[in-house]
C-alpha atoms as a PDB file:
ATOM      1  CA  MET A   1       4.833  13.560   0.640  1.00  0.00           C
ATOM      2  CA  LYS A   2       4.601  14.475   4.267  1.00  0.00           C
ATOM      3  CA  LYS A   3       7.894  15.363   5.940  1.00  0.00           C
ATOM      4  CA  SER A   4       6.960  13.280   8.978  1.00  0.00           C
ATOM      5  CA  ALA A   5       4.216  10.892  10.051  1.00  0.00           C
ATOM      6  CA  ASN A   6       2.949   8.765  12.907  1.00  0.00           C
ATOM      7  CA  VAL A   7       4.094   5.233  12.138  1.00  0.00           C
ATOM      8  CA  GLY A   8       3.372   3.264  15.298  1.00  0.00           C
ATOM      9  CA  ASN A   9       1.432   0.549  13.511  1.00  0.00           C
ATOM     10  CA  ALA A  10       4.132   0.228  10.843  1.00  0.00           C
ATOM     11  CA  ILE A  11       6.848  -0.237  13.466  1.00  0.00           C
ATOM     12  CA  ARG A  12       4.782  -2.849  15.301  1.00  0.00           C
ATOM     13  CA  VAL A  13       4.277  -4.707  11.991  1.00  0.00           C
ATOM     14  CA  LEU A  14       7.997  -4.571  11.217  1.00  0.00           C
ATOM     15  CA  GLU A  15       9.058  -5.731  14.667  1.00  0.00           C
ATOM     16  CA  LYS A  16       6.613  -8.640  14.550  1.00  0.00           C
ATOM     17  CA  ASP A  17       7.295  -9.737  10.957  1.00  0.00           C
ATOM     18  CA  GLU A  18      11.079  -9.414  11.200  1.00  0.00           C
ATOM     19  CA  GLU A  19      11.233 -10.532  14.856  1.00  0.00           C
ATOM     20  CA  LEU A  20      13.083  -7.362  15.829  1.00  0.00           C
ATOM     21  CA  THR A  21      13.555  -5.888  19.258  1.00  0.00           C
ATOM     22  CA  ASN A  22      13.423  -2.153  19.928  1.00  0.00           C
ATOM     23  CA  ASP A  23      17.184  -2.259  20.429  1.00  0.00           C
ATOM     24  CA  GLN A  24      17.860  -3.990  17.098  1.00  0.00           C
ATOM     25  CA  LEU A  25      15.551  -1.650  15.208  1.00  0.00           C
ATOM     26  CA  ALA A  26      17.148   1.345  16.920  1.00  0.00           C
ATOM     27  CA  PHE A  27      20.607   0.069  15.945  1.00  0.00           C
ATOM     28  CA  ASP A  28      19.547  -0.559  12.331  1.00  0.00           C
ATOM     29  CA  LEU A  29      18.009   2.912  11.973  1.00  0.00           C
ATOM     30  CA  ASN A  30      20.679   4.714  13.991  1.00  0.00           C
ATOM     31  CA  LEU A  31      18.133   5.905  16.552  1.00  0.00           C
ATOM     32  CA  SER A  32      17.824   5.460  20.288  1.00  0.00           C
ATOM     33  CA  PRO A  33      15.636   2.664  21.661  1.00  0.00           C
ATOM     34  CA  GLN A  34      13.637   5.379  23.421  1.00  0.00           C
ATOM     35  CA  MET A  35      12.931   7.095  20.089  1.00  0.00           C
ATOM     36  CA  ILE A  36      11.751   3.790  18.600  1.00  0.00           C
ATOM     37  CA  SER A  37       9.474   3.301  21.607  1.00  0.00           C
ATOM     38  CA  HIS A  38       8.074   6.825  21.237  1.00  0.00           C
ATOM     39  CA  MET A  39       7.432   6.320  17.506  1.00  0.00           C
ATOM     40  CA  LYS A  40       5.871   2.901  18.099  1.00  0.00           C
ATOM     41  CA  ASN A  41       3.442   4.488  20.560  1.00  0.00           C
ATOM     42  CA  ASP A  42       2.787   7.496  18.282  1.00  0.00           C
ATOM     43  CA  ARG A  43       4.287   9.930  20.790  1.00  0.00           C
ATOM     44  CA  ARG A  44       6.872  10.998  18.197  1.00  0.00           C
ATOM     45  CA  VAL A  45       6.728  11.092  14.416  1.00  0.00           C
ATOM     46  CA  MET A  46       9.140   9.441  12.026  1.00  0.00           C
ATOM     47  CA  GLN A  47      10.988  11.771   9.674  1.00  0.00           C
ATOM     48  CA  GLN A  48      10.861  11.151   5.926  1.00  0.00           C
ATOM     49  CA  ASP A  49      14.590  10.384   5.613  1.00  0.00           C
ATOM     50  CA  ILE A  50      14.373   7.691   8.299  1.00  0.00           C
ATOM     51  CA  ALA A  51      11.292   6.223   6.621  1.00  0.00           C
ATOM     52  CA  ARG A  52      13.122   6.136   3.266  1.00  0.00           C
ATOM     53  CA  ASP A  53      16.175   4.467   4.808  1.00  0.00           C
ATOM     54  CA  SER A  54      14.063   1.920   6.678  1.00  0.00           C
ATOM     55  CA  VAL A  55      12.096   0.946   3.556  1.00  0.00           C
ATOM     56  CA  ALA A  56      15.397   0.479   1.708  1.00  0.00           C
ATOM     57  CA  MET A  57      16.805  -1.606   4.578  1.00  0.00           C
ATOM     58  CA  TYR A  58      13.869  -3.981   5.051  1.00  0.00           C
ATOM     59  CA  ASP A  59      12.153  -5.791   2.183  1.00  0.00           C
ATOM     60  CA  ASN A  60       8.952  -6.045   4.173  1.00  0.00           C
ATOM     61  CA  PRO A  61       5.890  -5.209   2.067  1.00  0.00           C
ATOM     62  CA  ARG A  62       3.505  -4.806   5.014  1.00  0.00           C
ATOM     63  CA  TYR A  63       5.823  -2.282   6.636  1.00  0.00           C
ATOM     64  CA  THR A  64       6.424  -0.511   3.322  1.00  0.00           C
ATOM     65  CA  MET A  65       2.693  -0.280   2.623  1.00  0.00           C
ATOM     66  CA  GLU A  66       2.038   1.170   6.081  1.00  0.00           C
ATOM     67  CA  ILE A  67       4.837   3.725   5.653  1.00  0.00           C
ATOM     68  CA  LEU A  68       3.689   4.729   2.160  1.00  0.00           C
ATOM     69  CA  HIS A  69       0.102   5.091   3.319  1.00  0.00           C
ATOM     70  CA  GLU A  70       1.072   7.355   6.217  1.00  0.00           C
ATOM     71  CA  PHE A  71       3.621   9.484   4.357  1.00  0.00           C
ATOM     72  CA  SER A  72       1.394   9.873   1.291  1.00  0.00           C
ATOM     73  CA  ASP A  73      -1.383  11.226   3.532  1.00  0.00           C
ATOM     74  CA  GLY A  74      -3.722   8.455   2.404  1.00  0.00           C
ATOM     75  CA  PHE A  75      -2.914   8.369  -1.320  1.00  0.00           C
ATOM     76  CA  ALA A  76      -1.230   4.956  -1.134  1.00  0.00           C
ATOM     77  CA  VAL A  77      -3.493   2.097  -0.098  1.00  0.00           C
ATOM     78  CA  PRO A  78      -3.475   0.891   3.512  1.00  0.00           C
ATOM     79  CA  MET A  79      -2.972  -2.618   4.807  1.00  0.00           C
ATOM     80  CA  MET A  80      -6.241  -4.482   5.111  1.00  0.00           C
ATOM     81  CA  ASP A  81      -6.497  -5.406   8.779  1.00  0.00           C
ATOM     82  CA  GLY A  82     -10.215  -5.659   9.404  1.00  0.00           C
ATOM     83  CA  LYS A  83     -12.128  -8.585  10.856  1.00  0.00           C
ATOM     84  CA  ALA A  84     -13.578  -9.445   7.427  1.00  0.00           C
ATOM     85  CA  VAL A  85     -10.149 -10.164   5.901  1.00  0.00           C
ATOM     86  CA  ASP A  86      -8.860 -13.732   5.724  1.00  0.00           C
ATOM     87  CA  TRP A  87      -5.128 -13.462   5.015  1.00  0.00           C
ATOM     88  CA  HIS A  88      -4.849 -16.572   2.875  1.00  0.00           C
ATOM     89  CA  ARG A  89      -3.790 -16.160  -0.741  1.00  0.00           C
ATOM     90  CA  LEU A  90      -6.885 -18.001  -2.039  1.00  0.00           C
ATOM     91  CA  SER A  91      -9.267 -15.931   0.081  1.00  0.00           C
ATOM     92  CA  LEU A  92      -7.530 -12.755  -1.032  1.00  0.00           C
ATOM     93  CA  LEU A  93      -7.650 -13.923  -4.650  1.00  0.00           C
ATOM     94  CA  ALA A  94     -11.403 -14.529  -4.384  1.00  0.00           C
ATOM     95  CA  MET A  95     -11.810 -11.029  -2.931  1.00  0.00           C
ATOM     96  CA  LEU A  96      -9.656  -9.577  -5.700  1.00  0.00           C
ATOM     97  CA  LYS A  97     -11.700 -11.275  -8.443  1.00  0.00           C
ATOM     98  CA  LYS A  98     -14.933 -10.027  -6.900  1.00  0.00           C
ATOM     99  CA  GLN A  99     -13.601  -6.469  -6.639  1.00  0.00           C
ATOM    100  CA  PHE A 100     -12.349  -6.489 -10.234  1.00  0.00           C
ATOM    101  CA  GLU A 101     -15.715  -7.804 -11.473  1.00  0.00           C
ATOM    102  CA  GLU A 102     -17.528  -5.063  -9.562  1.00  0.00           C
ATOM    103  CA  ALA A 103     -15.141  -2.440 -10.966  1.00  0.00           C
ATOM    104  CA  LEU A 104     -15.659  -3.662 -14.528  1.00  0.00           C
ATOM    105  CA  GLU A 105     -19.440  -3.631 -14.067  1.00  0.00           C
ATOM    106  CA  ALA A 106     -19.331  -0.092 -12.676  1.00  0.00           C
ATOM    107  CA  LEU A 107     -17.158   1.029 -15.609  1.00  0.00           C
ATOM    108  CA  LYS A 108     -19.789  -0.229 -18.054  1.00  0.00           C
ATOM    109  CA  GLU A 109     -22.215   2.297 -16.560  1.00  0.00           C
ATOM    110  CA  VAL A 110     -20.002   5.299 -17.382  1.00  0.00           C
ATOM    111  CA  ASP A 111     -19.938   7.053 -20.758  1.00  0.00           C
ATOM    112  CA  PHE A 112     -16.268   7.990 -21.136  1.00  0.00           C
ATOM    113  CA  THR A 113     -16.877   9.557 -24.557  1.00  0.00           C
ATOM    114  CA  LYS A 114     -18.741  12.442 -22.938  1.00  0.00           C
ATOM    115  CA  PRO A 115     -16.518  15.345 -21.830  1.00  0.00           C
ATOM    116  CA  PRO A 116     -16.302  15.553 -18.017  1.00  0.00           C
ATOM    117  CA  GLN A 117     -17.683  19.102 -17.945  1.00  0.00           C
ATOM    118  CA  ALA A 118     -20.790  17.928 -19.862  1.00  0.00           C
ATOM    119  CA  MET A 119     -21.701  15.206 -17.370  1.00  0.00           C
ATOM    120  CA  GLU A 120     -25.007  15.482 -15.604  1.00  0.00           C
ATOM    121  CA  LYS A 121     -25.341  14.865 -11.873  1.00  0.00           C
ATOM    122  CA  HIS A 122     -26.415  11.211 -12.181  1.00  0.00           C
ATOM    123  CA  GLU A 123     -23.570  10.543 -14.651  1.00  0.00           C
ATOM    124  CA  ARG A 124     -21.088  12.050 -12.224  1.00  0.00           C
ATOM    125  CA  GLU A 125     -22.462   9.802  -9.465  1.00  0.00           C
ATOM    126  CA  LEU A 126     -21.872   6.781 -11.723  1.00  0.00           C
ATOM    127  CA  MET A 127     -18.312   7.984 -12.296  1.00  0.00           C
ATOM    128  CA  VAL A 128     -17.708   8.332  -8.562  1.00  0.00           C
ATOM    129  CA  ARG A 129     -19.130   4.833  -7.995  1.00  0.00           C
ATOM    130  CA  ALA A 130     -16.810   3.406 -10.690  1.00  0.00           C
ATOM    131  CA  PHE A 131     -13.883   5.284  -9.149  1.00  0.00           C
ATOM    132  CA  ASP A 132     -14.683   3.783  -5.744  1.00  0.00           C
ATOM    133  CA  GLU A 133     -14.938   0.275  -7.200  1.00  0.00           C
ATOM    134  CA  ILE A 134     -11.543   0.724  -8.864  1.00  0.00           C
ATOM    135  CA  LEU A 135     -10.087   1.783  -5.498  1.00  0.00           C
ATOM    136  CA  ASP A 136     -11.585  -1.358  -3.899  1.00  0.00           C
ATOM    137  CA  ALA A 137      -9.875  -3.439  -6.596  1.00  0.00           C
ATOM    138  CA  ARG A 138      -6.591  -1.583  -6.104  1.00  0.00           C
ATOM    139  CA  LEU A 139      -6.696  -2.200  -2.355  1.00  0.00           C
ATOM    140  CA  SER A 140      -7.400  -5.898  -2.903  1.00  0.00           C
ATOM    141  CA  LEU A 141      -4.681  -6.252  -5.534  1.00  0.00           C
ATOM    142  CA  GLU A 142      -1.911  -4.621  -3.541  1.00  0.00           C
ATOM    143  CA  ASN A 143      -2.745  -6.564  -0.391  1.00  0.00           C
ATOM    144  CA  TRP A 144      -2.899  -9.838  -2.371  1.00  0.00           C
ATOM    145  CA  LEU A 145       0.567  -9.125  -3.796  1.00  0.00           C
ATOM    146  CA  ILE A 146       1.866  -8.789  -0.250  1.00  0.00           C
ATOM    147  CA  GLN A 147       0.509 -12.217   0.606  1.00  0.00           C
ATOM    148  CA  LEU A 148       2.099 -13.646  -2.547  1.00  0.00           C
ATOM    149  CA  GLN A 149       5.472 -12.177  -1.547  1.00  0.00           C
ATOM    150  CA  GLU A 150       5.178 -13.786   1.848  1.00  0.00           C
ATOM    151  CA  ASP A 151       3.969 -17.169   0.561  1.00  0.00           C
ATOM    152  CA  TYR A 152       6.295 -17.509  -2.440  1.00  0.00           C
ATOM    153  CA  ASN A 153       9.234 -15.367  -1.325  1.00  0.00           C
ATOM    154  CA  ILE A 154       9.041 -13.191  -4.445  1.00  0.00           C
ATOM    155  CA  SER A 155      10.017  -9.635  -3.611  1.00  0.00           C
ATOM    156  CA  ILE A 156       7.627  -6.983  -4.909  1.00  0.00           C
ATOM    157  CA  LYS A 157      10.438  -4.446  -4.660  1.00  0.00           C
ATOM    158  CA  LYS A 158      12.831  -6.577  -6.730  1.00  0.00           C
ATOM    159  CA  ARG A 159      10.162  -7.419  -9.314  1.00  0.00           C
ATOM    160  CA  MET A 160       9.253  -3.737  -9.687  1.00  0.00           C
ATOM    161  CA  LYS A 161      12.908  -2.905 -10.339  1.00  0.00           C
ATOM    162  CA  ALA A 162      13.173  -5.786 -12.815  1.00  0.00           C
ATOM    163  CA  MET A 163       9.992  -4.713 -14.637  1.00  0.00           C
ATOM    164  CA  THR A 164      11.028  -1.066 -15.053  1.00  0.00           C
ATOM    165  CA  PRO A 165      13.132  -1.647 -18.218  1.00  0.00           C
ATOM    166  CA  ARG A 166      10.195  -3.507 -19.816  1.00  0.00           C
ATOM    167  CA  TRP A 167       7.846  -0.630 -19.041  1.00  0.00           C
ATOM    168  CA  LYS A 168      10.343   1.856 -20.422  1.00  0.00           C
ATOM    169  CA  ALA A 169      10.724  -0.215 -23.602  1.00  0.00           C
ATOM    170  CA  ARG A 170       6.958  -0.147 -24.037  1.00  0.00           C
ATOM    171  CA  GLY A 171       6.989   3.627 -23.721  1.00  0.00           C
ATOM    172  CA  TRP A 172       5.023   3.547 -20.467  1.00  0.00           C
ATOM    173  CA  LEU A 173       7.840   5.215 -18.508  1.00  0.00           C
ATOM    174  CA  GLN A 174      10.578   7.640 -19.450  1.00  0.00           C
END
């Protein structure tokens, strides 16, 4: 994890979604309004401890996703905010289904029984294509979950905490 990151977009998302002013956000995070303004305009970075505290304070999945994406240096998926995205749960579900179908089709092309070091160039290209299709599906899934939280008021954060004992019981987590 990065120790600090530019989070201007994340702050703008949080202020809009939660209807916060700079002053209220500054009060909540124990920062000056000027610091919030500087971070919002990417003139100053947010430190990891402030990011952690802010994610704990606000159950806002769009903000959390933006923060995770920035602090993970691109490992966590970003918010979809392009012109081709219709933020309605049914549109996002249709996109998700399409991305999962494409990922499953791409996976059919890969021979997973062959050791990675024995793959030929064209087989490696098929693997990379399948990998990319899986990432498309992951992006669609995580953004769809955000829309579900907003539409149905079901907290992703709370559900993840509630699911952890089940995953541990299944031996998926320690």
